[in-house]
Amino acid sequence: MTTRCPCLSGLPYTECCEPVHRGESVAPTAEALMRSRFSAFAVGDADYLLASWHPSTRPATLELDPELRWYRLDILDRAAGGPLDTRGEVAFEAFWRSAEARGSQRERSSFVREGGRWYYVAEA
């Protein structure tokens, strides 16, 4: 059975975000990195989240809430962040649910590309 990628690209996880999570490829744009980070939240991959976080703002540790299920990502806007850019921003809304509640998180995130890799920096 093929599992659809949590980032909602329409591709199977094995062809979309999983190779990025495993380090077999890199996200070519800031939006692709945002999608891969959302998928990492959805599959519980804290190591990838830390690795894709810029060292200047990265926390020492990251503990994910196993009770939250991240199930939908809407990209609302993007500024720069293409394959030839060094900076970009992505606005999104990420939807979650738990046994007790449902909600969403809206954010405009900033990204930087260094050494051919995109990194999440902070909420813009």
PDB file of N, CA and C in Angstrom:
ATOM      1  N   MET A   1       0.838  -1.177   0.000  1.00  0.00           N
ATOM      2  CA  MET A   1       0.000   0.000   0.000  1.00  0.00           C
ATOM      3  C   MET A   1       0.890   1.250   0.000  1.00  0.00           C
ATOM      4  N   THR A   2       0.583   2.209  -0.854  1.00  0.00           N
ATOM      5  CA  THR A   2       1.325   3.442  -0.951  1.00  0.00           C
ATOM      6  C   THR A   2       0.665   4.503  -0.080  1.00  0.00           C
ATOM      7  N   THR A   3       1.447   5.138   0.766  1.00  0.00           N
ATOM      8  CA  THR A   3       0.933   6.167   1.648  1.00  0.00           C
ATOM      9  C   THR A   3       1.166   7.539   1.024  1.00  0.00           C
ATOM     10  N   ARG A   4       0.120   8.325   0.965  1.00  0.00           N
ATOM     11  CA  ARG A   4       0.205   9.679   0.429  1.00  0.00           C
ATOM     12  C   ARG A   4       1.076  10.534   1.365  1.00  0.00           C
ATOM     13  N   CYS A   5       1.861  11.427   0.792  1.00  0.00           N
ATOM     14  CA  CYS A   5       2.727  12.273   1.593  1.00  0.00           C
ATOM     15  C   CYS A   5       1.887  13.230   2.441  1.00  0.00           C
ATOM     16  N   PRO A   6       2.241  13.386   3.719  1.00  0.00           N
ATOM     17  CA  PRO A   6       1.495  14.295   4.589  1.00  0.00           C
ATOM     18  C   PRO A   6       1.480  15.747   4.108  1.00  0.00           C
ATOM     19  N   CYS A   7       2.457  16.147   3.285  1.00  0.00           N
ATOM     20  CA  CYS A   7       2.505  17.539   2.832  1.00  0.00           C
ATOM     21  C   CYS A   7       1.436  17.856   1.793  1.00  0.00           C
ATOM     22  N   LEU A   8       0.699  16.843   1.385  1.00  0.00           N
ATOM     23  CA  LEU A   8      -0.412  16.968   0.421  1.00  0.00           C
ATOM     24  C   LEU A   8       0.031  17.365  -0.980  1.00  0.00           C
ATOM     25  N   SER A   9       1.231  16.978  -1.355  1.00  0.00           N
ATOM     26  CA  SER A   9       1.713  17.233  -2.713  1.00  0.00           C
ATOM     27  C   SER A   9       0.978  16.370  -3.737  1.00  0.00           C
ATOM     28  N   GLY A  10       0.363  15.287  -3.272  1.00  0.00           N
ATOM     29  CA  GLY A  10      -0.272  14.334  -4.170  1.00  0.00           C
ATOM     30  C   GLY A  10       0.627  13.146  -4.483  1.00  0.00           C
ATOM     31  N   LEU A  11       1.892  13.240  -4.115  1.00  0.00           N
ATOM     32  CA  LEU A  11       2.838  12.147  -4.350  1.00  0.00           C
ATOM     33  C   LEU A  11       2.867  11.208  -3.153  1.00  0.00           C
ATOM     34  N   PRO A  12       3.312   9.974  -3.373  1.00  0.00           N
ATOM     35  CA  PRO A  12       3.531   9.080  -2.236  1.00  0.00           C
ATOM     36  C   PRO A  12       4.650   9.622  -1.352  1.00  0.00           C
ATOM     37  N   TYR A  13       4.566   9.363  -0.073  1.00  0.00           N
ATOM     38  CA  TYR A  13       5.586   9.796   0.889  1.00  0.00           C
ATOM     39  C   TYR A  13       6.972   9.320   0.457  1.00  0.00           C
ATOM     40  N   THR A  14       7.067   8.089  -0.063  1.00  0.00           N
ATOM     41  CA  THR A  14       8.360   7.522  -0.465  1.00  0.00           C
ATOM     42  C   THR A  14       8.997   8.266  -1.637  1.00  0.00           C
ATOM     43  N   GLU A  15       8.207   9.033  -2.386  1.00  0.00           N
ATOM     44  CA  GLU A  15       8.720   9.793  -3.537  1.00  0.00           C
ATOM     45  C   GLU A  15       8.786  11.288  -3.259  1.00  0.00           C
ATOM     46  N   CYS A  16       8.282  11.725  -2.134  1.00  0.00           N
ATOM     47  CA  CYS A  16       8.189  13.152  -1.866  1.00  0.00           C
ATOM     48  C   CYS A  16       9.097  13.549  -0.701  1.00  0.00           C
ATOM     49  N   CYS A  17       8.589  13.545   0.500  1.00  0.00           N
ATOM     50  CA  CYS A  17       9.342  14.035   1.661  1.00  0.00           C
ATOM     51  C   CYS A  17      10.244  13.000   2.319  1.00  0.00           C
ATOM     52  N   GLU A  18       9.949  11.724   2.183  1.00  0.00           N
ATOM     53  CA  GLU A  18      10.791  10.724   2.853  1.00  0.00           C
ATOM     54  C   GLU A  18      12.251  10.776   2.405  1.00  0.00           C
ATOM     55  N   PRO A  19      12.563  10.897   1.104  1.00  0.00           N
ATOM     56  CA  PRO A  19      13.977  10.981   0.721  1.00  0.00           C
ATOM     57  C   PRO A  19      14.676  12.209   1.316  1.00  0.00           C
ATOM     58  N   VAL A  20      13.948  13.295   1.491  1.00  0.00           N
ATOM     59  CA  VAL A  20      14.516  14.494   2.114  1.00  0.00           C
ATOM     60  C   VAL A  20      14.749  14.225   3.595  1.00  0.00           C
ATOM     61  N   HIS A  21      13.783  13.593   4.254  1.00  0.00           N
ATOM     62  CA  HIS A  21      13.939  13.250   5.674  1.00  0.00           C
ATOM     63  C   HIS A  21      15.145  12.335   5.894  1.00  0.00           C
ATOM     64  N   ARG A  22      15.387  11.444   4.979  1.00  0.00           N
ATOM     65  CA  ARG A  22      16.505  10.484   5.113  1.00  0.00           C
ATOM     66  C   ARG A  22      17.847  11.063   4.674  1.00  0.00           C
ATOM     67  N   GLY A  23      17.841  12.279   4.128  1.00  0.00           N
ATOM     68  CA  GLY A  23      19.079  12.892   3.665  1.00  0.00           C
ATOM     69  C   GLY A  23      19.520  12.433   2.297  1.00  0.00           C
ATOM     70  N   GLU A  24      18.633  11.762   1.560  1.00  0.00           N
ATOM     71  CA  GLU A  24      18.966  11.262   0.229  1.00  0.00           C
ATOM     72  C   GLU A  24      18.822  12.352  -0.828  1.00  0.00           C
ATOM     73  N   SER A  25      18.108  13.422  -0.508  1.00  0.00           N
ATOM     74  CA  SER A  25      17.957  14.572  -1.390  1.00  0.00           C
ATOM     75  C   SER A  25      17.726  15.796  -0.515  1.00  0.00           C
ATOM     76  N   VAL A  26      17.745  16.972  -1.139  1.00  0.00           N
ATOM     77  CA  VAL A  26      17.503  18.210  -0.395  1.00  0.00           C
ATOM     78  C   VAL A  26      16.281  18.908  -0.982  1.00  0.00           C
ATOM     79  N   ALA A  27      15.635  19.705  -0.152  1.00  0.00           N
ATOM     80  CA  ALA A  27      14.496  20.493  -0.613  1.00  0.00           C
ATOM     81  C   ALA A  27      15.024  21.595  -1.535  1.00  0.00           C
ATOM     82  N   PRO A  28      14.518  21.692  -2.772  1.00  0.00           N
ATOM     83  CA  PRO A  28      15.057  22.663  -3.724  1.00  0.00           C
ATOM     84  C   PRO A  28      14.578  24.097  -3.501  1.00  0.00           C
ATOM     85  N   THR A  29      13.508  24.286  -2.738  1.00  0.00           N
ATOM     86  CA  THR A  29      12.949  25.621  -2.503  1.00  0.00           C
ATOM     87  C   THR A  29      12.567  25.760  -1.030  1.00  0.00           C
ATOM     88  N   ALA A  30      12.309  26.994  -0.623  1.00  0.00           N
ATOM     89  CA  ALA A  30      11.852  27.237   0.743  1.00  0.00           C
ATOM     90  C   ALA A  30      10.503  26.561   0.978  1.00  0.00           C
ATOM     91  N   GLU A  31       9.614  26.610  -0.014  1.00  0.00           N
ATOM     92  CA  GLU A  31       8.315  25.946   0.144  1.00  0.00           C
ATOM     93  C   GLU A  31       8.480  24.437   0.291  1.00  0.00           C
ATOM     94  N   ALA A  32       9.360  23.850  -0.494  1.00  0.00           N
ATOM     95  CA  ALA A  32       9.592  22.406  -0.383  1.00  0.00           C
ATOM     96  C   ALA A  32      10.129  22.055   1.008  1.00  0.00           C
ATOM     97  N   LEU A  33      10.993  22.930   1.561  1.00  0.00           N
ATOM     98  CA  LEU A  33      11.478  22.668   2.915  1.00  0.00           C
ATOM     99  C   LEU A  33      10.330  22.794   3.914  1.00  0.00           C
ATOM    100  N   MET A  34       9.464  23.802   3.724  1.00  0.00           N
ATOM    101  CA  MET A  34       8.310  23.953   4.619  1.00  0.00           C
ATOM    102  C   MET A  34       7.447  22.699   4.570  1.00  0.00           C
ATOM    103  N   ARG A  35       7.192  22.194   3.379  1.00  0.00           N
ATOM    104  CA  ARG A  35       6.383  20.981   3.232  1.00  0.00           C
ATOM    105  C   ARG A  35       7.064  19.786   3.906  1.00  0.00           C
ATOM    106  N   SER A  36       8.383  19.670   3.743  1.00  0.00           N
ATOM    107  CA  SER A  36       9.089  18.544   4.357  1.00  0.00           C
ATOM    108  C   SER A  36       9.080  18.659   5.876  1.00  0.00           C
ATOM    109  N   ARG A  37       9.132  19.880   6.394  1.00  0.00           N
ATOM    110  CA  ARG A  37       9.068  20.068   7.850  1.00  0.00           C
ATOM    111  C   ARG A  37       7.678  19.726   8.377  1.00  0.00           C
ATOM    112  N   PHE A  38       6.629  20.119   7.645  1.00  0.00           N
ATOM    113  CA  PHE A  38       5.283  19.742   8.066  1.00  0.00           C
ATOM    114  C   PHE A  38       5.163  18.213   8.090  1.00  0.00           C
ATOM    115  N   SER A  39       5.654  17.562   7.050  1.00  0.00           N
ATOM    116  CA  SER A  39       5.604  16.098   7.004  1.00  0.00           C
ATOM    117  C   SER A  39       6.373  15.483   8.163  1.00  0.00           C
ATOM    118  N   ALA A  40       7.483  16.113   8.548  1.00  0.00           N
ATOM    119  CA  ALA A  40       8.251  15.612   9.683  1.00  0.00           C
ATOM    120  C   ALA A  40       7.441  15.713  10.972  1.00  0.00           C
ATOM    121  N   PHE A  41       6.696  16.792  11.145  1.00  0.00           N
ATOM    122  CA  PHE A  41       5.793  16.874  12.297  1.00  0.00           C
ATOM    123  C   PHE A  41       4.751  15.765  12.221  1.00  0.00           C
ATOM    124  N   ALA A  42       4.219  15.534  11.029  1.00  0.00           N
ATOM    125  CA  ALA A  42       3.163  14.535  10.854  1.00  0.00           C
ATOM    126  C   ALA A  42       3.637  13.110  11.140  1.00  0.00           C
ATOM    127  N   VAL A  43       4.891  12.813  10.789  1.00  0.00           N
ATOM    128  CA  VAL A  43       5.409  11.454  11.014  1.00  0.00           C
ATOM    129  C   VAL A  43       6.245  11.347  12.287  1.00  0.00           C
ATOM    130  N   GLY A  44       6.413  12.461  13.004  1.00  0.00           N
ATOM    131  CA  GLY A  44       7.136  12.434  14.271  1.00  0.00           C
ATOM    132  C   GLY A  44       8.648  12.387  14.151  1.00  0.00           C
ATOM    133  N   ASP A  45       9.202  13.030  13.133  1.00  0.00           N
ATOM    134  CA  ASP A  45      10.647  12.992  12.894  1.00  0.00           C
ATOM    135  C   ASP A  45      11.328  14.248  13.466  1.00  0.00           C
ATOM    136  N   ALA A  46      11.551  14.266  14.779  1.00  0.00           N
ATOM    137  CA  ALA A  46      12.176  15.411  15.448  1.00  0.00           C
ATOM    138  C   ALA A  46      13.621  15.622  14.982  1.00  0.00           C
ATOM    139  N   ASP A  47      14.332  14.550  14.668  1.00  0.00           N
ATOM    140  CA  ASP A  47      15.717  14.681  14.212  1.00  0.00           C
ATOM    141  C   ASP A  47      15.798  15.503  12.933  1.00  0.00           C
ATOM    142  N   TYR A  48      14.894  15.233  11.988  1.00  0.00           N
ATOM    143  CA  TYR A  48      14.891  16.007  10.744  1.00  0.00           C
ATOM    144  C   TYR A  48      14.534  17.470  11.015  1.00  0.00           C
ATOM    145  N   LEU A  49      13.568  17.696  11.887  1.00  0.00           N
ATOM    146  CA  LEU A  49      13.186  19.072  12.211  1.00  0.00           C
ATOM    147  C   LEU A  49      14.382  19.844  12.754  1.00  0.00           C
ATOM    148  N   LEU A  50      15.140  19.251  13.643  1.00  0.00           N
ATOM    149  CA  LEU A  50      16.328  19.910  14.177  1.00  0.00           C
ATOM    150  C   LEU A  50      17.387  20.113  13.096  1.00  0.00           C
ATOM    151  N   ALA A  51      17.596  19.108  12.257  1.00  0.00           N
ATOM    152  CA  ALA A  51      18.612  19.201  11.206  1.00  0.00           C
ATOM    153  C   ALA A  51      18.277  20.266  10.163  1.00  0.00           C
ATOM    154  N   SER A  52      16.998  20.523   9.941  1.00  0.00           N
ATOM    155  CA  SER A  52      16.585  21.505   8.938  1.00  0.00           C
ATOM    156  C   SER A  52      16.368  22.894   9.533  1.00  0.00           C
ATOM    157  N   TRP A  53      16.680  23.055  10.810  1.00  0.00           N
ATOM    158  CA  TRP A  53      16.549  24.322  11.531  1.00  0.00           C
ATOM    159  C   TRP A  53      17.902  25.022  11.492  1.00  0.00           C
ATOM    160  N   HIS A  54      17.948  26.281  11.157  1.00  0.00           N
ATOM    161  CA  HIS A  54      19.215  27.005  11.066  1.00  0.00           C
ATOM    162  C   HIS A  54      19.907  27.026  12.434  1.00  0.00           C
ATOM    163  N   PRO A  55      21.224  26.773  12.459  1.00  0.00           N
ATOM    164  CA  PRO A  55      21.941  26.726  13.742  1.00  0.00           C
ATOM    165  C   PRO A  55      21.801  27.993  14.595  1.00  0.00           C
ATOM    166  N   SER A  56      21.569  29.143  13.967  1.00  0.00           N
ATOM    167  CA  SER A  56      21.467  30.392  14.728  1.00  0.00           C
ATOM    168  C   SER A  56      20.208  30.483  15.579  1.00  0.00           C
ATOM    169  N   THR A  57      19.194  29.690  15.257  1.00  0.00           N
ATOM    170  CA  THR A  57      17.927  29.739  16.004  1.00  0.00           C
ATOM    171  C   THR A  57      17.471  28.366  16.489  1.00  0.00           C
ATOM    172  N   ARG A  58      18.219  27.328  16.187  1.00  0.00           N
ATOM    173  CA  ARG A  58      17.842  25.951  16.526  1.00  0.00           C
ATOM    174  C   ARG A  58      17.869  25.727  18.035  1.00  0.00           C
ATOM    175  N   PRO A  59      16.809  25.125  18.575  1.00  0.00           N
ATOM    176  CA  PRO A  59      16.848  24.762  19.996  1.00  0.00           C
ATOM    177  C   PRO A  59      17.765  23.556  20.198  1.00  0.00           C
ATOM    178  N   ALA A  60      18.195  23.351  21.422  1.00  0.00           N
ATOM    179  CA  ALA A  60      19.081  22.224  21.733  1.00  0.00           C
ATOM    180  C   ALA A  60      18.353  20.897  21.583  1.00  0.00           C
ATOM    181  N   THR A  61      17.079  20.876  21.929  1.00  0.00           N
ATOM    182  CA  THR A  61      16.268  19.664  21.816  1.00  0.00           C
ATOM    183  C   THR A  61      14.880  20.043  21.316  1.00  0.00           C
ATOM    184  N   LEU A  62      14.152  19.045  20.885  1.00  0.00           N
ATOM    185  CA  LEU A  62      12.790  19.249  20.422  1.00  0.00           C
ATOM    186  C   LEU A  62      11.973  18.030  20.806  1.00  0.00           C
ATOM    187  N   GLU A  63      10.928  18.248  21.545  1.00  0.00           N
ATOM    188  CA  GLU A  63      10.048  17.158  21.946  1.00  0.00           C
ATOM    189  C   GLU A  63       8.696  17.352  21.286  1.00  0.00           C
ATOM    190  N   LEU A  64       8.303  16.398  20.471  1.00  0.00           N
ATOM    191  CA  LEU A  64       7.017  16.473  19.777  1.00  0.00           C
ATOM    192  C   LEU A  64       5.922  15.875  20.645  1.00  0.00           C
ATOM    193  N   ASP A  65       4.740  16.440  20.548  1.00  0.00           N
ATOM    194  CA  ASP A  65       3.592  15.938  21.307  1.00  0.00           C
ATOM    195  C   ASP A  65       3.001  14.747  20.560  1.00  0.00           C
ATOM    196  N   PRO A  66       3.111  13.546  21.099  1.00  0.00           N
ATOM    197  CA  PRO A  66       2.605  12.358  20.392  1.00  0.00           C
ATOM    198  C   PRO A  66       1.076  12.328  20.297  1.00  0.00           C
ATOM    199  N   GLU A  67       0.403  13.179  21.054  1.00  0.00           N
ATOM    200  CA  GLU A  67      -1.064  13.222  21.027  1.00  0.00           C
ATOM    201  C   GLU A  67      -1.599  14.068  19.879  1.00  0.00           C
ATOM    202  N   LEU A  68      -0.755  14.918  19.281  1.00  0.00           N
ATOM    203  CA  LEU A  68      -1.197  15.754  18.162  1.00  0.00           C
ATOM    204  C   LEU A  68      -1.011  15.017  16.855  1.00  0.00           C
ATOM    205  N   ARG A  69      -2.025  15.109  16.000  1.00  0.00           N
ATOM    206  CA  ARG A  69      -1.937  14.541  14.654  1.00  0.00           C
ATOM    207  C   ARG A  69      -2.036  15.698  13.670  1.00  0.00           C
ATOM    208  N   TRP A  70      -0.944  15.969  12.967  1.00  0.00           N
ATOM    209  CA  TRP A  70      -0.912  17.016  11.950  1.00  0.00           C
ATOM    210  C   TRP A  70      -1.416  16.400  10.658  1.00  0.00           C
ATOM    211  N   TYR A  71      -2.489  16.951  10.080  1.00  0.00           N
ATOM    212  CA  TYR A  71      -3.126  16.274   8.955  1.00  0.00           C
ATOM    213  C   TYR A  71      -3.339  17.117   7.706  1.00  0.00           C
ATOM    214  N   ARG A  72      -3.122  18.413   7.753  1.00  0.00           N
ATOM    215  CA  ARG A  72      -3.358  19.224   6.554  1.00  0.00           C
ATOM    216  C   ARG A  72      -2.464  20.456   6.573  1.00  0.00           C
ATOM    217  N   LEU A  73      -1.910  20.779   5.420  1.00  0.00           N
ATOM    218  CA  LEU A  73      -1.066  21.955   5.263  1.00  0.00           C
ATOM    219  C   LEU A  73      -1.595  22.771   4.090  1.00  0.00           C
ATOM    220  N   ASP A  74      -1.880  24.029   4.357  1.00  0.00           N
ATOM    221  CA  ASP A  74      -2.270  24.961   3.297  1.00  0.00           C
ATOM    222  C   ASP A  74      -1.180  26.016   3.167  1.00  0.00           C
ATOM    223  N   ILE A  75      -0.593  26.132   1.984  1.00  0.00           N
ATOM    224  CA  ILE A  75       0.368  27.193   1.714  1.00  0.00           C
ATOM    225  C   ILE A  75      -0.448  28.418   1.310  1.00  0.00           C
ATOM    226  N   LEU A  76      -0.284  29.507   2.054  1.00  0.00           N
ATOM    227  CA  LEU A  76      -1.085  30.710   1.831  1.00  0.00           C
ATOM    228  C   LEU A  76      -0.379  31.735   0.950  1.00  0.00           C
ATOM    229  N   ASP A  77       0.937  31.792   1.059  1.00  0.00           N
ATOM    230  CA  ASP A  77       1.701  32.783   0.301  1.00  0.00           C
ATOM    231  C   ASP A  77       3.178  32.396   0.362  1.00  0.00           C
ATOM    232  N   ARG A  78       3.938  32.883  -0.591  1.00  0.00           N
ATOM    233  CA  ARG A  78       5.384  32.688  -0.574  1.00  0.00           C
ATOM    234  C   ARG A  78       6.026  33.925  -1.182  1.00  0.00           C
ATOM    235  N   ALA A  79       7.203  34.252  -0.684  1.00  0.00           N
ATOM    236  CA  ALA A  79       7.986  35.369  -1.215  1.00  0.00           C
ATOM    237  C   ALA A  79       9.411  34.878  -1.395  1.00  0.00           C
ATOM    238  N   ALA A  80       9.892  34.961  -2.614  1.00  0.00           N
ATOM    239  CA  ALA A  80      11.228  34.464  -2.974  1.00  0.00           C
ATOM    240  C   ALA A  80      11.320  32.986  -2.571  1.00  0.00           C
ATOM    241  N   GLY A  81      12.503  32.525  -2.210  1.00  0.00           N
ATOM    242  CA  GLY A  81      12.661  31.136  -1.781  1.00  0.00           C
ATOM    243  C   GLY A  81      12.788  30.131  -2.908  1.00  0.00           C
ATOM    244  N   GLY A  82      13.084  30.614  -4.112  1.00  0.00           N
ATOM    245  CA  GLY A  82      13.246  29.704  -5.246  1.00  0.00           C
ATOM    246  C   GLY A  82      14.621  29.060  -5.270  1.00  0.00           C
ATOM    247  N   PRO A  83      14.872  28.210  -6.249  1.00  0.00           N
ATOM    248  CA  PRO A  83      16.140  27.472  -6.313  1.00  0.00           C
ATOM    249  C   PRO A  83      17.383  28.360  -6.429  1.00  0.00           C
ATOM    250  N   LEU A  84      17.230  29.592  -6.897  1.00  0.00           N
ATOM    251  CA  LEU A  84      18.381  30.487  -7.047  1.00  0.00           C
ATOM    252  C   LEU A  84      18.438  31.561  -5.969  1.00  0.00           C
ATOM    253  N   ASP A  85      17.446  31.605  -5.091  1.00  0.00           N
ATOM    254  CA  ASP A  85      17.402  32.600  -4.022  1.00  0.00           C
ATOM    255  C   ASP A  85      18.205  32.135  -2.811  1.00  0.00           C
ATOM    256  N   THR A  86      18.548  33.084  -1.951  1.00  0.00           N
ATOM    257  CA  THR A  86      19.223  32.741  -0.703  1.00  0.00           C
ATOM    258  C   THR A  86      18.318  32.966   0.502  1.00  0.00           C
ATOM    259  N   ARG A  87      17.200  33.626   0.308  1.00  0.00           N
ATOM    260  CA  ARG A  87      16.233  33.861   1.381  1.00  0.00           C
ATOM    261  C   ARG A  87      14.830  33.673   0.829  1.00  0.00           C
ATOM    262  N   GLY A  88      13.919  33.346   1.733  1.00  0.00           N
ATOM    263  CA  GLY A  88      12.528  33.208   1.324  1.00  0.00           C
ATOM    264  C   GLY A  88      11.618  33.193   2.531  1.00  0.00           C
ATOM    265  N   GLU A  89      10.346  33.408   2.270  1.00  0.00           N
ATOM    266  CA  GLU A  89       9.320  33.335   3.303  1.00  0.00           C
ATOM    267  C   GLU A  89       8.154  32.520   2.779  1.00  0.00           C
ATOM    268  N   VAL A  90       7.542  31.765   3.665  1.00  0.00           N
ATOM    269  CA  VAL A  90       6.372  30.964   3.316  1.00  0.00           C
ATOM    270  C   VAL A  90       5.329  31.162   4.408  1.00  0.00           C
ATOM    271  N   ALA A  91       4.131  31.570   3.989  1.00  0.00           N
ATOM    272  CA  ALA A  91       3.007  31.678   4.921  1.00  0.00           C
ATOM    273  C   ALA A  91       2.165  30.419   4.758  1.00  0.00           C
ATOM    274  N   PHE A  92       1.740  29.860   5.881  1.00  0.00           N
ATOM    275  CA  PHE A  92       0.998  28.607   5.838  1.00  0.00           C
ATOM    276  C   PHE A  92       0.011  28.531   6.984  1.00  0.00           C
ATOM    277  N   GLU A  93      -0.905  27.573   6.856  1.00  0.00           N
ATOM    278  CA  GLU A  93      -1.758  27.180   7.961  1.00  0.00           C
ATOM    279  C   GLU A  93      -1.671  25.666   8.060  1.00  0.00           C
ATOM    280  N   ALA A  94      -1.312  25.184   9.238  1.00  0.00           N
ATOM    281  CA  ALA A  94      -1.175  23.752   9.495  1.00  0.00           C
ATOM    282  C   ALA A  94      -2.270  23.329  10.470  1.00  0.00           C
ATOM    283  N   PHE A  95      -2.969  22.266  10.130  1.00  0.00           N
ATOM    284  CA  PHE A  95      -4.106  21.804  10.923  1.00  0.00           C
ATOM    285  C   PHE A  95      -3.732  20.565  11.726  1.00  0.00           C
ATOM    286  N   TRP A  96      -4.213  20.520  12.971  1.00  0.00           N
ATOM    287  CA  TRP A  96      -3.924  19.416  13.876  1.00  0.00           C
ATOM    288  C   TRP A  96      -5.193  19.003  14.612  1.00  0.00           C
ATOM    289  N   ARG A  97      -5.121  17.814  15.181  1.00  0.00           N
ATOM    290  CA  ARG A  97      -6.199  17.350  16.055  1.00  0.00           C
ATOM    291  C   ARG A  97      -5.606  16.405  17.094  1.00  0.00           C
ATOM    292  N   SER A  98      -6.307  16.349  18.203  1.00  0.00           N
ATOM    293  CA  SER A  98      -5.969  15.414  19.272  1.00  0.00           C
ATOM    294  C   SER A  98      -7.274  14.784  19.716  1.00  0.00           C
ATOM    295  N   ALA A  99      -7.228  13.947  20.725  1.00  0.00           N
ATOM    296  CA  ALA A  99      -8.444  13.303  21.230  1.00  0.00           C
ATOM    297  C   ALA A  99      -9.413  14.335  21.805  1.00  0.00           C
ATOM    298  N   GLU A 100      -8.879  15.456  22.313  1.00  0.00           N
ATOM    299  CA  GLU A 100      -9.720  16.442  22.984  1.00  0.00           C
ATOM    300  C   GLU A 100     -10.043  17.678  22.157  1.00  0.00           C
ATOM    301  N   ALA A 101      -9.266  17.990  21.139  1.00  0.00           N
ATOM    302  CA  ALA A 101      -9.436  19.267  20.452  1.00  0.00           C
ATOM    303  C   ALA A 101      -8.946  19.207  19.012  1.00  0.00           C
ATOM    304  N   ARG A 102      -9.292  20.264  18.272  1.00  0.00           N
ATOM    305  CA  ARG A 102      -8.808  20.486  16.908  1.00  0.00           C
ATOM    306  C   ARG A 102      -8.342  21.925  16.822  1.00  0.00           C
ATOM    307  N   GLY A 103      -7.420  22.182  15.933  1.00  0.00           N
ATOM    308  CA  GLY A 103      -6.974  23.550  15.771  1.00  0.00           C
ATOM    309  C   GLY A 103      -6.068  23.699  14.576  1.00  0.00           C
ATOM    310  N   SER A 104      -5.530  24.895  14.453  1.00  0.00           N
ATOM    311  CA  SER A 104      -4.586  25.161  13.375  1.00  0.00           C
ATOM    312  C   SER A 104      -3.568  26.183  13.850  1.00  0.00           C
ATOM    313  N   GLN A 105      -2.483  26.228  13.142  1.00  0.00           N
ATOM    314  CA  GLN A 105      -1.415  27.181  13.421  1.00  0.00           C
ATOM    315  C   GLN A 105      -1.133  27.928  12.131  1.00  0.00           C
ATOM    316  N   ARG A 106      -1.241  29.241  12.176  1.00  0.00           N
ATOM    317  CA  ARG A 106      -0.880  30.090  11.037  1.00  0.00           C
ATOM    318  C   ARG A 106       0.451  30.741  11.338  1.00  0.00           C
ATOM    319  N   GLU A 107       1.294  30.776  10.325  1.00  0.00           N
ATOM    320  CA  GLU A 107       2.614  31.358  10.523  1.00  0.00           C
ATOM    321  C   GLU A 107       3.182  31.807   9.192  1.00  0.00           C
ATOM    322  N   ARG A 108       4.021  32.819   9.247  1.00  0.00           N
ATOM    323  CA  ARG A 108       4.863  33.188   8.110  1.00  0.00           C
ATOM    324  C   ARG A 108       6.281  32.881   8.571  1.00  0.00           C
ATOM    325  N   SER A 109       6.910  31.923   7.918  1.00  0.00           N
ATOM    326  CA  SER A 109       8.243  31.465   8.314  1.00  0.00           C
ATOM    327  C   SER A 109       9.291  32.023   7.373  1.00  0.00           C
ATOM    328  N   SER A 110      10.471  32.298   7.928  1.00  0.00           N
ATOM    329  CA  SER A 110      11.589  32.743   7.107  1.00  0.00           C
ATOM    330  C   SER A 110      12.589  31.598   6.954  1.00  0.00           C
ATOM    331  N   PHE A 111      13.203  31.569   5.786  1.00  0.00           N
ATOM    332  CA  PHE A 111      14.143  30.513   5.422  1.00  0.00           C
ATOM    333  C   PHE A 111      15.380  31.139   4.799  1.00  0.00           C
ATOM    334  N   VAL A 112      16.490  30.434   4.915  1.00  0.00           N
ATOM    335  CA  VAL A 112      17.741  30.866   4.305  1.00  0.00           C
ATOM    336  C   VAL A 112      18.383  29.656   3.634  1.00  0.00           C
ATOM    337  N   ARG A 113      19.040  29.906   2.496  1.00  0.00           N
ATOM    338  CA  ARG A 113      19.751  28.822   1.809  1.00  0.00           C
ATOM    339  C   ARG A 113      21.247  29.062   1.960  1.00  0.00           C
ATOM    340  N   GLU A 114      21.923  28.075   2.528  1.00  0.00           N
ATOM    341  CA  GLU A 114      23.372  28.136   2.727  1.00  0.00           C
ATOM    342  C   GLU A 114      23.974  26.801   2.309  1.00  0.00           C
ATOM    343  N   GLY A 115      25.061  26.872   1.575  1.00  0.00           N
ATOM    344  CA  GLY A 115      25.738  25.649   1.158  1.00  0.00           C
ATOM    345  C   GLY A 115      24.838  24.734   0.341  1.00  0.00           C
ATOM    346  N   GLY A 116      23.901  25.311  -0.412  1.00  0.00           N
ATOM    347  CA  GLY A 116      23.006  24.524  -1.258  1.00  0.00           C
ATOM    348  C   GLY A 116      21.823  23.905  -0.528  1.00  0.00           C
ATOM    349  N   ARG A 117      21.647  24.218   0.763  1.00  0.00           N
ATOM    350  CA  ARG A 117      20.545  23.653   1.561  1.00  0.00           C
ATOM    351  C   ARG A 117      19.700  24.775   2.139  1.00  0.00           C
ATOM    352  N   TRP A 118      18.404  24.548   2.149  1.00  0.00           N
ATOM    353  CA  TRP A 118      17.487  25.467   2.796  1.00  0.00           C
ATOM    354  C   TRP A 118      17.366  25.108   4.271  1.00  0.00           C
ATOM    355  N   TYR A 119      17.224  26.150   5.112  1.00  0.00           N
ATOM    356  CA  TYR A 119      17.032  25.987   6.549  1.00  0.00           C
ATOM    357  C   TYR A 119      15.885  26.876   7.018  1.00  0.00           C
ATOM    358  N   TYR A 120      15.109  26.363   7.929  1.00  0.00           N
ATOM    359  CA  TYR A 120      14.108  27.174   8.624  1.00  0.00           C
ATOM    360  C   TYR A 120      14.856  28.069   9.607  1.00  0.00           C
ATOM    361  N   VAL A 121      14.495  29.369   9.628  1.00  0.00           N
ATOM    362  CA  VAL A 121      15.163  30.295  10.545  1.00  0.00           C
ATOM    363  C   VAL A 121      14.244  30.622  11.713  1.00  0.00           C
ATOM    364  N   ALA A 122      13.078  31.173  11.408  1.00  0.00           N
ATOM    365  CA  ALA A 122      12.170  31.592  12.479  1.00  0.00           C
ATOM    366  C   ALA A 122      10.836  32.038  11.894  1.00  0.00           C
ATOM    367  N   GLU A 123       9.919  32.310  12.787  1.00  0.00           N
ATOM    368  CA  GLU A 123       8.667  32.930  12.359  1.00  0.00           C
ATOM    369  C   GLU A 123       9.029  34.338  11.923  1.00  0.00           C
ATOM    370  N   ALA A 124       8.564  34.734  10.738  1.00  0.00           N
ATOM    371  CA  ALA A 124       8.915  36.042  10.182  1.00  0.00           C
ATOM    372  C   ALA A 124       8.134  37.166  10.837  1.00  0.00           C
TER     373      ALA A 124
END
